[in-house]
Amino acid sequence: MEYLRVIHHSSVMKTLRNILMLTLIVSAASGMANAQTRKDKKAEKHAAIKRDIESKHYIFVADYVSPLRGGQRQLTSEYDLRIKPDSVISFLPYFGQAYFDVPYNPTDGGIKFTSTKFDYKVSNKKNGGWEITVTPQDVKNLERMILYISPDGYASLSVASVNRDFISFDGHIDYKVSN
């Protein structure tokens, strides 16, 4: 009787060991599949952002603003810079020192314009990202905008004006924009 109990106990242990091994194998295979899926999604996102940059069709969404004087602030409203093949549309706030030609109406402030005459230059960065310089030629008092975009879609925008302090924005690229 004792012998049967030992045999039964031994077969139960073998079954539990086999179940544990099978669980580990399935878990490892699932983890590798998830890693490959994440890698594929990351490559797909990078390709989509690259395509949108080359076709000049994307939106930079500003999440934070960093004025020259003062600390970084989180933006609670939606502000963006829209790049299209035929235009650049800016709807961004401005915090900082203006030296002259200040608008009388506070709602006219900010960095708000539509440009249809602009230079657009793209440089590839070593990290796989891009540096884009946009120079509107038909916008009064704006020198240039430089956009740094990472392969993951994180971006920072620097704005240089003629009569205002420098300002920068941190945010992301909305690469799911319908053409």
Protein backbone atom coordinates (compact mmCIF):
# COMPACT_ATOMS: atom_id res chain seq x y z
CA MET A 1 0.00 0.00 0.00
CA GLU A 2 2.84 2.32 0.89
CA TYR A 3 4.46 1.46 -2.43
CA LEU A 4 1.37 2.58 -4.38
CA ARG A 5 1.28 5.85 -2.48
CA VAL A 6 4.91 6.57 -3.43
CA ILE A 7 4.23 5.74 -7.09
CA HIS A 8 1.12 7.95 -7.09
CA HIS A 9 3.02 10.79 -5.41
CA SER A 10 5.82 10.47 -7.95
CA SER A 11 3.44 10.63 -10.93
CA VAL A 12 1.68 13.69 -9.47
CA MET A 13 5.05 15.42 -9.08
CA LYS A 14 5.98 14.59 -12.69
CA THR A 15 2.65 15.97 -13.92
CA LEU A 16 3.09 19.19 -11.92
CA ARG A 17 6.66 19.56 -13.20
CA ASN A 18 5.47 19.09 -16.80
CA ILE A 19 2.71 21.65 -16.33
CA LEU A 20 5.21 24.12 -14.85
CA MET A 21 7.65 23.57 -17.74
CA LEU A 22 4.85 24.02 -20.29
CA THR A 23 3.74 27.24 -18.55
CA LEU A 24 7.29 28.60 -18.61
CA ILE A 25 7.71 27.78 -22.30
CA VAL A 26 4.39 29.41 -23.24
CA SER A 27 5.21 32.45 -21.11
CA ALA A 28 8.64 32.87 -22.71
CA ALA A 29 7.22 32.49 -26.21
CA SER A 30 4.51 35.03 -25.42
CA GLY A 31 7.10 37.49 -24.08
CA MET A 32 9.20 37.14 -27.23
CA ALA A 33 6.11 37.65 -29.39
CA ASN A 34 5.18 40.78 -27.42
CA ALA A 35 8.72 42.14 -27.75
CA GLN A 36 8.61 41.55 -31.49
CA THR A 37 5.18 43.22 -31.70
CA ARG A 38 6.49 46.25 -29.80
CA LYS A 39 9.53 46.39 -32.06
CA ASP A 40 7.29 46.19 -35.14
CA LYS A 41 4.98 48.91 -33.81
CA LYS A 42 7.95 51.16 -33.04
CA ALA A 43 9.36 50.65 -36.56
CA GLU A 44 5.91 51.31 -38.03
CA LYS A 45 5.56 54.53 -36.02
CA HIS A 46 9.04 55.68 -37.08
CA ALA A 47 8.22 54.99 -40.74
CA ALA A 48 4.91 56.87 -40.46
CA ILE A 49 6.58 59.91 -38.87
CA LYS A 50 9.33 59.88 -41.51
CA ARG A 51 6.73 59.68 -44.29
CA ASP A 52 4.76 62.59 -42.80
CA ILE A 53 7.89 64.74 -42.37
CA GLU A 54 8.93 64.12 -45.97
CA SER A 55 5.45 64.84 -47.28
CA LYS A 56 5.11 67.94 -45.04
CA HIS A 57 1.90 66.73 -43.48
CA TYR A 58 1.88 66.50 -39.68
CA ILE A 59 0.99 68.34 -36.50
CA PHE A 60 3.26 69.25 -33.61
CA VAL A 61 1.13 69.26 -30.44
CA ALA A 62 2.59 71.42 -27.66
CA ASP A 63 2.34 69.97 -24.15
CA TYR A 64 4.79 72.28 -22.33
CA VAL A 65 6.11 75.80 -22.87
CA SER A 66 9.48 77.14 -21.70
CA PRO A 67 9.76 80.93 -21.90
CA LEU A 68 13.21 82.50 -21.76
CA ARG A 69 12.34 84.13 -18.45
CA GLY A 70 10.62 81.69 -16.14
CA GLY A 71 10.21 77.99 -15.74
CA GLN A 72 8.54 75.36 -17.83
CA ARG A 73 4.74 75.33 -17.74
CA GLN A 74 2.33 72.60 -18.70
CA LEU A 75 -0.21 73.74 -21.27
CA THR A 76 -3.81 72.98 -20.37
CA SER A 77 -5.34 74.01 -23.70
CA GLU A 78 -4.65 72.57 -27.13
CA TYR A 79 -1.90 74.39 -28.99
CA ASP A 80 -0.23 73.19 -32.15
CA LEU A 81 1.85 73.87 -35.23
CA ARG A 82 0.39 72.36 -38.40
CA ILE A 83 2.71 71.64 -41.28
CA LYS A 84 1.11 71.13 -44.68
CA PRO A 85 2.70 71.05 -48.12
CA ASP A 86 1.28 74.47 -48.98
CA SER A 87 1.09 76.16 -45.57
CA VAL A 88 2.28 76.41 -41.98
CA ILE A 89 -0.40 77.19 -39.41
CA SER A 90 0.67 78.17 -35.92
CA PHE A 91 -1.62 78.36 -32.91
CA LEU A 92 0.80 78.66 -30.00
CA PRO A 93 0.80 80.78 -26.84
CA TYR A 94 3.50 83.29 -25.98
CA PHE A 95 4.88 84.04 -22.52
CA GLY A 96 7.74 86.47 -22.36
CA GLN A 97 9.07 89.92 -23.07
CA ALA A 98 7.94 91.76 -26.20
CA TYR A 99 10.09 94.76 -27.09
CA PHE A 100 7.90 96.74 -29.50
CA ASP A 101 4.93 96.33 -31.84
CA VAL A 102 2.87 94.74 -29.07
CA PRO A 103 -0.75 94.06 -30.07
CA TYR A 104 -3.38 96.10 -28.22
CA ASN A 105 -5.85 93.21 -28.11
CA PRO A 106 -4.61 90.42 -25.79
CA THR A 107 -6.40 87.82 -27.93
CA ASP A 108 -4.12 88.81 -30.83
CA GLY A 109 -1.07 87.72 -28.80
CA GLY A 110 0.64 84.40 -29.01
CA ILE A 111 2.34 82.94 -32.03
CA LYS A 112 -0.67 82.72 -34.31
CA PHE A 113 -0.29 82.86 -38.07
CA THR A 114 -0.82 81.12 -41.38
CA SER A 115 2.07 81.19 -43.80
CA THR A 116 1.89 80.12 -47.43
CA LYS A 117 5.38 81.31 -48.31
CA PHE A 118 8.02 79.50 -46.26
CA ASP A 119 11.29 77.59 -46.44
CA TYR A 120 11.26 74.02 -45.10
CA LYS A 121 14.58 72.25 -44.52
CA VAL A 122 14.99 68.76 -43.04
CA SER A 123 18.24 67.41 -41.60
CA ASN A 124 18.61 63.84 -40.37
CA LYS A 125 20.12 63.46 -36.91
CA LYS A 126 22.51 60.71 -35.81
CA ASN A 127 19.97 59.32 -33.35
CA GLY A 128 17.50 58.65 -36.17
CA GLY A 129 15.51 61.81 -35.54
CA TRP A 130 15.11 64.98 -37.57
CA GLU A 131 15.81 68.68 -37.31
CA ILE A 132 13.38 70.78 -39.32
CA THR A 133 13.83 74.48 -39.89
CA VAL A 134 10.76 76.43 -40.98
CA THR A 135 11.33 80.02 -42.04
CA PRO A 136 8.07 81.84 -42.85
CA GLN A 137 8.73 84.65 -45.31
CA ASP A 138 5.30 86.22 -45.07
CA VAL A 139 5.00 86.49 -41.28
CA LYS A 140 5.92 89.76 -39.66
CA ASN A 141 8.57 89.64 -36.91
CA LEU A 142 9.19 85.86 -36.95
CA GLU A 143 12.73 84.75 -37.82
CA ARG A 144 12.49 80.96 -37.76
CA MET A 145 11.12 77.88 -36.05
CA ILE A 146 13.29 74.84 -35.42
CA LEU A 147 11.61 71.54 -34.70
CA TYR A 148 13.56 68.58 -33.30
CA ILE A 149 11.70 65.28 -33.69
CA SER A 150 12.81 61.97 -32.17
CA PRO A 151 12.16 58.64 -33.91
CA ASP A 152 9.51 57.98 -31.23
CA GLY A 153 7.61 61.15 -32.11
CA TYR A 154 8.62 63.31 -29.16
CA ALA A 155 9.46 66.80 -30.29
CA SER A 156 10.66 70.22 -29.20
CA LEU A 157 10.05 73.47 -31.02
CA SER A 158 12.20 76.59 -30.71
CA VAL A 159 10.82 79.93 -31.91
CA ALA A 160 13.01 82.94 -32.63
CA SER A 161 11.30 86.29 -33.19
CA VAL A 162 12.58 89.73 -34.11
CA ASN A 163 10.92 91.62 -31.25
CA ARG A 164 10.19 88.96 -28.63
CA ASP A 165 12.21 86.78 -26.29
CA PHE A 166 13.07 83.28 -27.45
CA ILE A 167 10.55 80.59 -26.47
CA SER A 168 10.43 76.81 -26.79
CA PHE A 169 7.81 74.11 -26.58
CA ASP A 170 7.93 70.40 -25.81
CA GLY A 171 5.36 67.99 -27.12
CA HIS A 172 4.77 65.27 -29.65
CA ILE A 173 4.02 64.69 -33.30
CA ASP A 174 0.50 63.65 -34.19
CA TYR A 175 1.46 61.31 -37.00
CA LYS A 176 -2.03 59.83 -37.38
CA VAL A 177 -3.26 62.88 -39.25
CA SER A 178 -5.48 61.96 -42.16
CA ASN A 179 -4.17 63.18 -45.47
